[in-house]
Amino acid sequence: MSQIYTAYIGSYTDTNSSKGLTILDVDVEQGSLSKRGEVEVSNASYLITSPDQRFLYATTDAGVASFRILPDGNLRPLNTAHIRGMRGCHLSTSRDNRFLFVSGFYDGKITVLHILPDGSVGPIADGIFHRGPGSVAERNLRPHVRCAVLTPDEKYLCVADSGIDQIKIYRFNHQTGELSPLDIIHCKLQASPCFLLFSPDGRFLYALKEMSNKISVYTYDGSGRLPVFEQIQTLSTLGKKFNEYSAAITLEFAQDSTRLLCTNSGDHSLGIFKRDKETGLLEMLDVLPISGRYPTDVCLFPDERHLFCTNFDSSTLTFFRVHFDTGLLVMNRAPLKIDQPECALIVPRPAD
């Protein structure tokens, strides 16, 4: 029997009728989704699963909501944990699913939470507020923690702060969950690093810069006493013709990591890049419109022949057949209405 999948869409809830978390059935062969139900989560702006894909975590106004993923793809609530700060915008976990990292855009805070053996979220292990002035730009007056991910060897936590144009590096204590400031990767003024993605082999870091619409590629070496990051490439996420205002939002690898996808809001486009696995360098294949407004996320179907984008301003999901050899997108069905979608996951259903 072939694997069955479920999709989950996280949405804002303040100004629409969405309950926050939409559950959808997945047709991999057709590259389509059909709504099944909703779960009430206030402003579920980011979703992740545990590494073993048995649990789902969602940002919420109160902190983080946890769920067990049932064999039919539905969700059973476990608990909601407070973060003693303003609502988070990004989540990640340690590989053993013992710690959860919450990035705070509004208050510039990185919070570490324990995860309990039953998958529920436990108490706070550590919390650090970033300090310092930002650049003189509309969105960059103060710290805005946008993304936090562990290095592949899990020695360090890399935290992108778009408000102060820095990627802060913390030493991570696997026993206590505590963070110790260690180093800083300084980005150009008003670059606004917003999303971090390591290559599967752990040798390269891809840092998305929101306001400059750039991807910076760094080599990573964690073999010594201190981490070493060296920038080897920076390239635009936009094509030659683009909207006067645009902001890069998110990155996504194809499974073999030879292709990288990037969404651009304002320009309302999806960039497709070819990646050399040996050198880590990127080559733009194309940047194409996504037939929606303000794409916040891109999600590949498991066959990697189809994908969809979540489009916040147009409140739609738009569906495409993707040809990675040429970088071509072909719209393959009508958009699906979802109020203010912000993020998306396709998850295999767990065994009974």
Protein backbone atom coordinates (compact mmCIF):
# COMPACT_ATOMS: atom_id res chain seq x y z
CA MET A 1 0.00 0.00 0.00
CA SER A 2 1.38 3.40 -0.97
CA GLN A 3 2.12 6.04 1.66
CA ILE A 4 -0.77 8.39 2.53
CA TYR A 5 -0.10 12.02 3.42
CA THR A 6 -1.86 14.85 5.23
CA ALA A 7 -1.24 18.57 4.75
CA TYR A 8 -1.45 21.22 7.46
CA ILE A 9 -1.79 24.95 6.81
CA GLY A 10 -1.17 27.56 9.49
CA SER A 11 -3.02 30.90 9.23
CA TYR A 12 -3.42 34.17 11.02
CA THR A 13 -6.82 34.52 12.69
CA ASP A 14 -7.17 38.15 13.84
CA THR A 15 -8.95 39.56 10.78
CA ASN A 16 -10.73 36.60 9.14
CA SER A 17 -12.86 33.55 9.85
CA SER A 18 -10.00 31.02 9.94
CA LYS A 19 -9.62 28.87 13.05
CA GLY A 20 -5.85 28.88 12.54
CA LEU A 21 -4.89 25.36 11.49
CA THR A 22 -6.41 23.70 8.43
CA ILE A 23 -6.13 19.94 7.80
CA LEU A 24 -6.20 18.74 4.18
CA ASP A 25 -6.04 15.39 2.39
CA VAL A 26 -3.25 15.03 -0.18
CA ASP A 27 -3.47 13.56 -3.67
CA VAL A 28 0.19 13.16 -4.60
CA GLU A 29 -0.39 11.92 -8.13
CA GLN A 30 -2.64 14.86 -9.04
CA GLY A 31 -0.75 17.41 -6.98
CA SER A 32 -3.89 18.55 -5.19
CA LEU A 33 -5.30 19.14 -1.70
CA SER A 34 -8.85 18.92 -0.34
CA LYS A 35 -10.00 20.42 2.93
CA ARG A 36 -10.93 18.07 5.73
CA GLY A 37 -11.28 20.24 8.81
CA GLU A 38 -9.86 22.95 11.06
CA VAL A 39 -8.33 23.14 14.52
CA GLU A 40 -8.59 26.28 16.61
CA VAL A 41 -5.15 27.83 17.16
CA SER A 42 -4.86 31.61 17.49
CA ASN A 43 -2.50 32.99 14.82
CA ALA A 44 -0.79 29.73 13.88
CA SER A 45 1.84 31.53 11.83
CA TYR A 46 4.40 28.69 11.89
CA LEU A 47 4.14 24.90 12.03
CA ILE A 48 6.71 22.13 12.38
CA THR A 49 6.65 18.44 13.16
CA SER A 50 8.94 16.53 15.48
CA PRO A 51 11.85 14.83 13.68
CA ASP A 52 9.98 11.50 13.79
CA GLN A 53 6.82 13.26 12.49
CA ARG A 54 4.64 11.96 15.32
CA PHE A 55 3.93 15.40 16.81
CA LEU A 56 3.03 18.82 15.44
CA TYR A 57 3.91 22.17 17.04
CA ALA A 58 2.29 25.51 16.21
CA THR A 59 2.96 29.06 17.26
CA THR A 60 0.02 30.63 19.06
CA ASP A 61 -0.67 33.88 20.89
CA ALA A 62 -0.03 32.12 24.20
CA GLY A 63 3.20 30.43 23.12
CA VAL A 64 3.38 27.00 21.49
CA ALA A 65 0.56 24.47 21.01
CA SER A 66 1.46 20.77 20.70
CA PHE A 67 -0.52 17.96 19.04
CA ARG A 68 -0.16 14.24 18.45
CA ILE A 69 -0.64 13.32 14.79
CA LEU A 70 -3.16 10.47 14.67
CA PRO A 71 -3.08 7.58 12.16
CA ASP A 72 -5.83 9.26 10.09
CA GLY A 73 -3.92 12.54 10.00
CA ASN A 74 -6.18 14.32 12.47
CA LEU A 75 -4.67 16.07 15.49
CA ARG A 76 -5.10 15.36 19.19
CA PRO A 77 -4.25 18.39 21.36
CA LEU A 78 -1.60 17.79 24.01
CA ASN A 79 -0.95 21.17 25.65
CA THR A 80 -0.04 24.82 25.17
CA ALA A 81 3.14 26.17 26.74
CA HIS A 82 3.79 29.84 27.47
CA ILE A 83 7.03 31.51 26.38
CA ARG A 84 6.91 34.64 28.62
CA GLY A 85 7.13 36.82 25.57
CA MET A 86 5.28 37.94 22.47
CA ARG A 87 4.02 35.51 19.82
CA GLY A 88 6.71 33.54 17.98
CA CYS A 89 7.26 33.53 14.20
CA HIS A 90 9.48 30.45 13.73
CA LEU A 91 10.00 27.07 15.41
CA SER A 92 12.67 24.37 15.25
CA THR A 93 13.67 21.39 17.39
CA SER A 94 16.75 19.46 18.36
CA ARG A 95 17.22 16.16 16.54
CA ASP A 96 16.24 14.14 19.62
CA ASN A 97 13.10 16.29 20.07
CA ARG A 98 14.06 17.25 23.63
CA PHE A 99 14.21 21.01 22.97
CA LEU A 100 12.11 23.49 21.00
CA PHE A 101 13.44 26.86 19.80
CA VAL A 102 11.00 29.76 19.41
CA SER A 103 11.97 32.92 17.50
CA GLY A 104 10.24 36.15 18.52
CA PHE A 105 9.87 38.82 15.85
CA TYR A 106 7.98 41.33 17.97
CA ASP A 107 10.12 41.29 21.12
CA GLY A 108 13.48 40.14 19.71
CA LYS A 109 13.62 37.09 21.98
CA ILE A 110 14.92 33.57 21.44
CA THR A 111 13.24 31.07 23.77
CA VAL A 112 14.26 27.46 24.44
CA LEU A 113 11.58 25.09 25.75
CA HIS A 114 11.85 21.55 27.02
CA ILE A 115 9.85 18.91 25.13
CA LEU A 116 8.53 16.11 27.35
CA PRO A 117 8.70 12.38 26.44
CA ASP A 118 4.99 12.33 25.49
CA GLY A 119 5.61 15.06 22.88
CA SER A 120 4.02 17.88 24.86
CA VAL A 121 5.90 21.13 25.47
CA GLY A 122 7.45 21.60 28.89
CA PRO A 123 8.91 24.53 30.82
CA ILE A 124 11.28 27.20 29.56
CA ALA A 125 14.93 26.15 29.57
CA ASP A 126 16.37 29.53 28.56
CA GLY A 127 15.39 32.86 27.03
CA ILE A 128 17.50 35.69 25.67
CA PHE A 129 16.37 39.12 24.48
CA HIS A 130 18.52 40.60 21.74
CA ARG A 131 19.64 44.18 22.31
CA GLY A 132 20.83 47.06 20.17
CA PRO A 133 19.50 49.53 17.61
CA GLY A 134 18.60 48.53 14.09
CA SER A 135 19.20 50.43 10.88
CA VAL A 136 17.11 53.45 9.95
CA ALA A 137 14.51 51.55 8.00
CA GLU A 138 10.78 51.11 8.49
CA ARG A 139 10.98 47.52 9.80
CA ASN A 140 14.47 47.64 11.27
CA LEU A 141 14.40 49.93 14.29
CA ARG A 142 14.97 47.18 16.88
CA PRO A 143 15.82 43.46 17.18
CA HIS A 144 13.51 41.05 15.34
CA VAL A 145 14.44 37.38 15.87
CA ARG A 146 13.19 35.61 12.75
CA CYS A 147 14.71 32.14 12.67
CA ALA A 148 16.78 29.85 14.90
CA VAL A 149 18.31 26.54 13.81
CA LEU A 150 20.95 24.24 15.24
CA THR A 151 24.07 23.55 13.23
CA PRO A 152 23.96 19.99 11.80
CA ASP A 153 26.41 18.80 14.48
CA GLU A 154 24.09 20.48 17.03
CA LYS A 155 26.97 22.23 18.79
CA TYR A 156 25.62 25.72 18.12
CA LEU A 157 22.36 27.57 17.61
CA CYS A 158 22.30 30.08 14.73
CA VAL A 159 19.78 32.89 15.23
CA ALA A 160 18.85 35.28 12.40
CA ASP A 161 17.91 38.78 13.61
CA SER A 162 16.51 40.88 10.77
CA GLY A 163 16.23 44.00 12.91
CA ILE A 164 19.93 44.37 13.71
CA ASP A 165 21.28 42.64 10.56
CA GLN A 166 23.08 39.88 12.45
CA ILE A 167 23.19 36.10 12.68
CA LYS A 168 24.10 35.40 16.29
CA ILE A 169 25.85 32.15 17.17
CA TYR A 170 25.20 30.54 20.58
CA ARG A 171 26.79 27.52 22.18
CA PHE A 172 24.03 25.05 23.05
CA ASN A 173 24.01 22.95 26.23
CA HIS A 174 22.28 19.66 25.41
CA GLN A 175 21.77 18.81 29.08
CA THR A 176 20.10 22.01 30.27
CA GLY A 177 19.00 23.73 27.04
CA GLU A 178 20.90 26.87 28.01
CA LEU A 179 22.47 29.17 25.42
CA SER A 180 25.84 30.97 25.67
CA PRO A 181 26.62 33.86 23.27
CA LEU A 182 29.66 32.95 21.19
CA ASP A 183 29.98 34.81 17.87
CA ILE A 184 28.18 37.04 15.35
CA ILE A 185 27.94 36.93 11.56
CA HIS A 186 27.51 40.56 10.54
CA CYS A 187 25.33 41.18 7.49
CA LYS A 188 25.16 44.30 5.34
CA LEU A 189 23.07 47.21 6.60
CA GLN A 190 19.35 46.62 5.93
CA ALA A 191 20.00 43.12 4.55
CA SER A 192 17.61 41.67 7.18
CA PRO A 193 18.57 37.99 7.54
CA CYS A 194 15.27 36.17 8.00
CA PHE A 195 15.64 32.46 7.23
CA LEU A 196 18.47 29.92 7.68
CA LEU A 197 18.85 26.54 6.01
CA PHE A 198 21.77 24.10 6.25
CA SER A 199 22.59 21.68 3.46
CA PRO A 200 21.86 18.03 4.35
CA ASP A 201 25.58 17.21 4.48
CA GLY A 202 26.10 19.99 7.04
CA ARG A 203 28.82 21.81 5.07
CA PHE A 204 26.91 24.88 3.90
CA LEU A 205 24.58 27.47 5.39
CA TYR A 206 22.07 29.32 3.17
CA ALA A 207 20.97 32.62 4.71
CA LEU A 208 18.04 34.46 3.17
CA LYS A 209 18.15 38.27 3.40
CA GLU A 210 14.62 39.69 3.39
CA MET A 211 15.07 43.36 2.52
CA SER A 212 18.02 43.02 0.16
CA ASN A 213 16.39 40.03 -1.59
CA LYS A 214 19.61 38.01 -1.50
CA ILE A 215 20.75 34.50 -0.62
CA SER A 216 24.17 34.30 1.01
CA VAL A 217 26.04 31.00 1.01
CA TYR A 218 28.49 30.21 3.82
CA THR A 219 30.76 27.25 4.39
CA TYR A 220 30.52 25.80 7.90
CA ASP A 221 33.25 24.01 9.84
CA GLY A 222 32.48 22.90 13.38
CA SER A 223 35.50 20.64 13.85
CA GLY A 224 37.51 23.11 15.90
CA ARG A 225 37.08 24.77 19.26
CA LEU A 226 35.00 27.54 17.66
CA PRO A 227 32.62 27.47 14.67
CA VAL A 228 33.93 28.87 11.39
CA PHE A 229 31.60 30.40 8.81
CA GLU A 230 32.98 31.78 5.53
CA GLN A 231 30.80 33.54 2.96
CA ILE A 232 31.44 32.22 -0.55
CA GLN A 233 28.51 33.59 -2.58
CA THR A 234 25.67 36.10 -2.57
CA LEU A 235 23.06 36.25 -5.31
CA SER A 236 19.68 37.86 -5.90
CA THR A 237 16.39 36.04 -5.37
CA LEU A 238 14.73 38.17 -8.08
CA GLY A 239 14.70 38.12 -11.86
CA LYS A 240 15.69 40.99 -14.13
CA LYS A 241 12.13 42.33 -14.09
CA PHE A 242 10.62 42.67 -10.65
CA ASN A 243 8.34 44.80 -8.51
CA GLU A 244 9.81 47.96 -6.98
CA TYR A 245 9.20 46.51 -3.51
CA SER A 246 9.87 42.89 -2.70
CA ALA A 247 10.93 40.85 0.32
CA ALA A 248 12.43 37.37 0.32
CA ILE A 249 10.51 35.12 2.71
CA THR A 250 11.52 31.45 2.84
CA LEU A 251 13.78 28.72 1.42
CA GLU A 252 13.04 25.07 0.69
CA PHE A 253 15.27 22.25 -0.61
CA ALA A 254 14.15 19.55 -3.00
CA GLN A 255 14.84 16.12 -1.53
CA ASP A 256 18.19 15.56 -3.22
CA SER A 257 19.23 19.15 -2.31
CA THR A 258 20.32 19.93 -5.89
CA ARG A 259 17.44 22.41 -6.21
CA LEU A 260 16.54 25.28 -3.90
CA LEU A 261 13.25 27.23 -3.90
CA CYS A 262 12.69 30.78 -2.63
CA THR A 263 9.49 32.83 -2.31
CA ASN A 264 9.45 36.59 -2.97
CA SER A 265 6.62 38.74 -1.65
CA GLY A 266 5.87 42.03 -3.39
CA ASP A 267 7.29 40.49 -6.57
CA HIS A 268 4.83 37.60 -5.98
CA SER A 269 7.27 35.08 -7.41
CA LEU A 270 9.09 31.81 -6.82
CA GLY A 271 12.80 31.51 -7.52
CA ILE A 272 14.25 28.14 -8.56
CA PHE A 273 17.97 27.60 -8.11
CA LYS A 274 20.35 24.81 -9.06
CA ARG A 275 22.82 23.81 -6.32
CA ASP A 276 26.21 22.20 -6.75
CA LYS A 277 26.42 19.68 -3.91
CA GLU A 278 30.23 19.69 -3.91
CA THR A 279 30.88 23.45 -3.92
CA GLY A 280 27.56 24.56 -2.38
CA LEU A 281 27.21 27.31 -4.98
CA LEU A 282 23.85 28.31 -6.48
CA GLU A 283 22.79 29.10 -10.03
CA MET A 284 19.45 30.74 -10.76
CA LEU A 285 17.29 28.74 -13.19
CA ASP A 286 14.28 31.07 -13.23
CA VAL A 287 12.01 33.34 -11.22
CA LEU A 288 8.34 32.89 -12.06
CA PRO A 289 4.99 34.36 -10.91
CA ILE A 290 2.92 32.27 -8.51
CA SER A 291 -0.56 33.56 -9.47
CA GLY A 292 -1.21 34.84 -5.96
CA ARG A 293 -0.21 37.74 -3.76
CA TYR A 294 2.47 37.70 -1.04
CA PRO A 295 3.72 34.09 -1.14
CA THR A 296 4.81 33.21 2.37
CA ASP A 297 5.73 29.54 1.90
CA VAL A 298 6.32 26.89 -0.75
CA CYS A 299 5.66 23.20 -0.21
CA LEU A 300 6.78 20.35 -2.48
CA PHE A 301 4.59 17.30 -2.88
CA PRO A 302 6.38 14.02 -2.07
CA ASP A 303 6.71 13.14 -5.77
CA GLU A 304 8.59 16.43 -6.29
CA ARG A 305 6.73 16.89 -9.56
CA HIS A 306 4.19 19.24 -7.95
CA LEU A 307 4.26 22.10 -5.47
CA PHE A 308 1.99 24.75 -4.00
CA CYS A 309 2.48 28.23 -2.56
CA THR A 310 0.65 29.79 0.38
CA ASN A 311 -0.34 33.33 -0.61
CA PHE A 312 -1.16 35.54 2.36
CA ASP A 313 -2.67 38.63 0.71
CA SER A 314 -4.84 36.76 -1.80
CA SER A 315 -5.81 34.07 0.79
CA THR A 316 -5.10 31.26 -1.67
CA LEU A 317 -3.03 28.17 -2.26
CA THR A 318 -1.79 28.02 -5.87
CA PHE A 319 -0.74 24.71 -7.46
CA PHE A 320 1.93 23.97 -10.04
CA ARG A 321 3.66 21.18 -11.84
CA VAL A 322 7.40 21.81 -11.52
CA HIS A 323 10.06 20.83 -14.05
CA PHE A 324 13.34 21.00 -12.14
CA ASP A 325 15.47 20.27 -15.20
CA THR A 326 14.39 23.53 -16.83
CA GLY A 327 13.11 25.52 -13.84
CA LEU A 328 9.63 25.72 -15.37
CA LEU A 329 6.37 26.03 -13.42
CA VAL A 330 3.02 25.17 -15.00
CA MET A 331 -0.18 25.94 -13.08
CA ASN A 332 -2.12 22.67 -12.90
CA ARG A 333 -5.39 23.52 -11.12
CA ALA A 334 -7.54 26.29 -9.73
CA PRO A 335 -6.42 28.05 -6.52
CA LEU A 336 -7.80 26.80 -3.20
CA LYS A 337 -9.23 29.38 -0.79
CA ILE A 338 -7.59 29.46 2.67
CA ASP A 339 -7.80 32.61 4.80
CA GLN A 340 -4.38 34.30 5.16
CA PRO A 341 -2.21 31.17 4.92
CA GLU A 342 1.27 31.63 6.33
CA CYS A 343 2.96 28.21 6.31
CA ALA A 344 2.44 24.65 5.08
CA LEU A 345 3.52 21.09 5.77
CA ILE A 346 2.89 17.76 4.01
CA VAL A 347 3.37 14.91 6.48
CA PRO A 348 3.18 11.12 6.02
CA ARG A 349 0.48 9.55 8.16
CA PRO A 350 1.97 7.59 11.06
CA ALA A 351 1.53 3.85 11.40
CA ASP A 352 -1.31 2.64 13.63
